[in-house]
Protein backbone atom coordinates (compact mmCIF):
# COMPACT_ATOMS: atom_id res chain seq x y z
CA UNK A 1 18.59 25.88 2.95
CA UNK A 2 18.20 27.41 6.44
CA UNK A 3 14.71 25.96 6.82
CA UNK A 4 16.23 22.49 6.54
CA UNK A 5 19.38 22.96 8.61
CA UNK A 6 17.57 24.87 11.37
CA UNK A 7 14.77 22.31 11.63
CA UNK A 8 16.54 19.06 10.89
CA UNK A 9 14.82 17.28 13.78
CA UNK A 10 11.35 18.40 12.64
CA UNK A 11 11.95 17.19 9.10
CA UNK A 12 13.59 14.01 10.37
CA UNK A 13 10.67 13.14 12.61
CA UNK A 14 8.20 13.74 9.79
CA UNK A 15 10.31 11.78 7.31
CA UNK A 16 10.61 8.79 9.64
CA UNK A 17 6.87 8.98 10.34
CA UNK A 18 6.12 8.74 6.62
CA UNK A 19 8.60 5.88 6.19
CA UNK A 20 6.98 3.94 9.05
CA UNK A 21 3.48 4.54 7.67
CA UNK A 22 4.63 3.41 4.23
CA UNK A 23 6.40 0.26 5.43
CA UNK A 24 3.69 -0.97 7.81
CA UNK A 25 0.84 -0.08 5.45
CA UNK A 26 2.62 -1.78 2.55
CA UNK A 27 3.05 -5.00 4.52
CA UNK A 28 -0.63 -4.95 5.50
CA UNK A 29 -1.71 -4.13 1.94
CA UNK A 30 0.38 -6.96 0.46
CA UNK A 31 -0.94 -9.49 2.99
CA UNK A 32 -4.59 -8.47 2.59
CA UNK A 33 -4.20 -8.11 -1.17
CA UNK A 34 -2.91 -11.68 -1.41
CA UNK A 35 -5.77 -12.99 0.73
CA UNK A 36 -8.41 -11.12 -1.27
CA UNK A 37 -6.91 -12.21 -4.59
CA UNK A 38 -7.09 -15.79 -3.33
CA UNK A 39 -10.71 -15.25 -2.35
CA UNK A 40 -11.58 -13.81 -5.76
CA UNK A 41 -10.40 -16.90 -7.61
CA UNK A 42 -11.43 -19.43 -4.94
CA UNK A 43 -13.86 -22.24 -5.88
CA UNK A 44 -16.08 -21.24 -2.93
CA UNK A 45 -18.79 -18.79 -3.94
CA UNK A 46 -19.03 -17.03 -0.58
CA UNK A 47 -15.29 -16.26 -0.62
CA UNK A 48 -15.49 -14.91 -4.15
CA UNK A 49 -18.41 -12.70 -3.14
CA UNK A 50 -16.54 -11.39 -0.08
CA UNK A 51 -13.46 -10.59 -2.15
CA UNK A 52 -15.54 -8.83 -4.78
CA UNK A 53 -17.36 -6.70 -2.19
CA UNK A 54 -14.05 -5.82 -0.47
CA UNK A 55 -12.46 -4.64 -3.71
CA UNK A 56 -15.55 -2.84 -5.02
CA UNK A 57 -16.21 -0.91 -1.81
CA UNK A 58 -12.62 0.12 -1.10
CA UNK A 59 -11.69 1.03 -4.67
CA UNK A 60 -14.72 3.29 -4.94
CA UNK A 61 -14.40 4.95 -1.53
CA UNK A 62 -12.36 8.18 -1.27
CA UNK A 63 -9.32 7.59 0.93
CA UNK A 64 -10.08 10.67 3.03
CA UNK A 65 -13.55 9.29 3.80
CA UNK A 66 -11.98 5.97 4.78
CA UNK A 67 -9.65 7.81 7.17
CA UNK A 68 -12.64 9.50 8.77
CA UNK A 69 -14.44 6.16 9.08
CA UNK A 70 -11.46 4.39 10.66
CA UNK A 71 -9.92 7.12 12.83
CA UNK A 72 -13.17 8.67 14.02
CA UNK A 73 -15.65 5.84 13.60
CA UNK A 74 -13.95 2.83 15.20
CA UNK A 75 -13.34 4.55 18.59
CA UNK A 76 -17.11 5.02 18.87
CA UNK A 77 -17.41 1.24 18.93
CA UNK A 78 -14.91 0.94 21.77
CA UNK A 79 -11.82 0.24 19.67
CA UNK A 80 -9.22 2.63 21.07
CA UNK A 81 -5.81 2.50 19.41
CA UNK A 82 -3.07 5.03 18.61
CA UNK A 83 -3.90 7.19 15.60
CA UNK A 84 -0.81 5.81 13.85
CA UNK A 85 -2.31 2.30 13.99
CA UNK A 86 -5.62 3.55 12.63
CA UNK A 87 -3.76 5.31 9.80
CA UNK A 88 -1.94 2.08 8.91
CA UNK A 89 -5.26 0.23 8.86
CA UNK A 90 -6.87 2.82 6.59
CA UNK A 91 -3.94 2.97 4.17
CA UNK A 92 -3.32 -0.77 4.20
CA UNK A 93 -6.95 -1.77 3.64
CA UNK A 94 -7.44 0.82 0.91
CA UNK A 95 -4.31 -0.18 -0.98
CA UNK A 96 -5.03 -3.90 -0.56
CA UNK A 97 -7.95 -3.58 -2.98
CA UNK A 98 -5.56 -2.39 -5.70
CA UNK A 99 -2.93 -5.01 -4.82
CA UNK A 100 -5.66 -7.65 -5.05
CA UNK A 101 -6.58 -6.64 -8.58
CA UNK A 102 -2.93 -6.49 -9.63
CA UNK A 103 -2.35 -10.02 -8.33
CA UNK A 104 -5.57 -11.30 -9.87
CA UNK A 105 -4.61 -9.87 -13.25
CA UNK A 106 -1.24 -11.59 -12.95
CA UNK A 107 -2.87 -14.89 -12.05
CA UNK A 108 -5.13 -14.56 -15.10
CA UNK A 109 -2.05 -14.44 -17.32
CA UNK A 110 -1.17 -18.01 -16.31
CA UNK A 111 -2.51 -20.43 -18.95
CA UNK A 112 -5.69 -22.18 -17.82
CA UNK A 113 -4.26 -25.51 -18.89
CA UNK A 114 -1.64 -25.39 -16.16
CA UNK A 115 -4.29 -25.19 -13.45
CA UNK A 116 -6.27 -28.00 -15.06
CA UNK A 117 -3.15 -30.15 -15.30
CA UNK A 118 -2.39 -29.52 -11.62
CA UNK A 119 -5.94 -30.48 -10.64
CA UNK A 120 -5.69 -33.66 -12.68
CA UNK A 121 -2.64 -34.57 -10.60
CA UNK A 122 -4.73 -34.26 -7.45
CA UNK A 123 -3.33 -30.96 -6.21
CA UNK A 124 -5.55 -28.87 -3.92
CA UNK A 125 -6.52 -25.26 -4.60
CA UNK A 126 -3.91 -24.01 -2.12
CA UNK A 127 -1.20 -26.12 -3.72
CA UNK A 128 -2.11 -24.91 -7.20
CA UNK A 129 -2.23 -21.28 -6.08
CA UNK A 130 1.05 -21.37 -4.14
CA UNK A 131 3.00 -23.79 -6.32
CA UNK A 132 1.79 -23.09 -9.85
CA UNK A 133 -0.05 -19.78 -10.27
CA UNK A 134 1.56 -17.29 -7.90
CA UNK A 135 5.21 -18.02 -8.78
CA UNK A 136 4.42 -17.28 -12.44
CA UNK A 137 2.05 -14.39 -11.74
CA UNK A 138 4.60 -12.70 -9.46
CA UNK A 139 6.99 -12.18 -12.38
CA UNK A 140 4.46 -10.11 -14.32
CA UNK A 141 3.07 -8.03 -11.45
CA UNK A 142 6.30 -6.64 -9.99
CA UNK A 143 6.11 -3.24 -11.79
CA UNK A 144 2.41 -2.53 -11.03
CA UNK A 145 2.84 -3.51 -7.38
CA UNK A 146 5.76 -1.09 -7.15
CA UNK A 147 3.64 1.69 -8.66
CA UNK A 148 0.82 0.93 -6.22
CA UNK A 149 3.15 1.15 -3.22
CA UNK A 150 4.58 4.43 -4.50
CA UNK A 151 1.01 5.75 -4.60
CA UNK A 152 0.55 4.51 -1.02
CA UNK A 153 3.61 6.47 0.12
CA UNK A 154 2.15 9.66 -1.35
CA UNK A 155 -1.33 8.90 0.03
CA UNK A 156 0.16 8.74 3.53
CA UNK A 157 0.17 12.55 3.51
CA UNK A 158 -3.54 12.42 4.37
CA UNK A 159 -2.64 11.01 7.79
CA UNK A 160 -1.20 14.38 8.82
CA UNK A 161 -4.71 15.82 8.96
CA UNK A 162 -5.54 13.31 11.69
CA UNK A 163 -2.74 14.15 14.15
CA UNK A 164 -0.39 11.50 12.78
CA UNK A 165 3.27 12.49 12.51
CA UNK A 166 4.31 12.45 8.86
CA UNK A 167 6.33 14.51 6.41
CA UNK A 168 3.70 16.84 4.93
CA UNK A 169 2.44 17.83 8.37
CA UNK A 170 5.78 19.50 9.18
CA UNK A 171 4.74 22.53 7.15
CA UNK A 172 2.32 23.57 9.91
CA UNK A 173 5.07 23.80 12.52
CA UNK A 174 7.51 25.53 10.18
CA UNK A 175 4.89 27.98 8.94
CA UNK A 176 4.12 28.98 12.53
CA UNK A 177 7.83 29.59 13.08
CA UNK A 178 7.83 32.04 10.17
CA UNK A 179 9.85 30.11 7.60
CA UNK A 180 9.23 30.50 3.87
CA UNK A 181 6.36 28.25 2.87
CA UNK A 182 7.89 27.74 -0.58
CA UNK A 183 11.18 26.35 0.74
CA UNK A 184 9.31 24.37 3.37
CA UNK A 185 7.41 22.55 0.65
CA UNK A 186 10.52 22.18 -1.51
CA UNK A 187 12.23 20.13 1.19
CA UNK A 188 9.05 18.20 1.89
CA UNK A 189 8.93 17.31 -1.81
CA UNK A 190 12.58 16.20 -1.65
CA UNK A 191 11.69 13.90 1.25
CA UNK A 192 8.87 12.27 -0.69
CA UNK A 193 11.13 11.98 -3.72
CA UNK A 194 13.69 10.07 -1.66
CA UNK A 195 11.02 7.65 -0.44
CA UNK A 196 9.42 7.06 -3.85
CA UNK A 197 12.75 6.69 -5.65
CA UNK A 198 13.84 4.15 -3.02
CA UNK A 199 10.69 2.09 -3.61
CA UNK A 200 11.20 2.39 -7.36
CA UNK A 201 14.82 1.23 -7.06
CA UNK A 202 13.85 -1.79 -4.94
CA UNK A 203 11.24 -2.93 -7.44
CA UNK A 204 13.59 -2.25 -10.33
CA UNK A 205 16.03 -4.71 -8.76
CA UNK A 206 13.22 -7.23 -8.20
CA UNK A 207 12.03 -6.84 -11.78
CA UNK A 208 15.54 -7.21 -13.16
CA UNK A 209 16.07 -10.40 -11.18
CA UNK A 210 12.65 -12.09 -11.39
CA UNK A 211 10.57 -10.09 -13.86
CA UNK A 212 9.38 -11.21 -17.27
CA UNK A 213 12.12 -10.57 -19.88
CA UNK A 214 11.27 -7.80 -22.34
């Protein structure tokens, strides 16, 4: 218990760093995932191709390699930003590929006849997507989106290897101060558990209110 009480500020800073990474990366992943899902079902071939390439490349690229590419590669092209921003970009883009596929699978559960009926009424693709498909798809994809964002929260631990303040990285400081590595990791695990259980609780509420009845 001493490792926690004696280093409350260290743990607190790391915990808040992980929370910020999770929140900002989740927002970016949801936005990009929605855009890419729209591209993948768009009637324009070039958009479908772009969405397919985006998902294929990111889903099959190790996240650590993506961190190296973003945090160490982009500055070589003159893009200089705080490492925290680069970490959000890496996490958000990577997770967006999985969000895209979750949304696309949800859209595919909507009966084809509904889209055809909407087109027969003269509705545009954007109107059909926003007014017919997504509202129904959202109900079925709440649980998998929650699971994907929980995975994002745990993946944020990689950012600590790139000088980004986050929860797992606190073990380096505490280890140098001579604290037990076992108890250090126990409290780090508790911190991640708080974050993941919070995300799970939020999506449980969303599922209970808007999800598909079981």
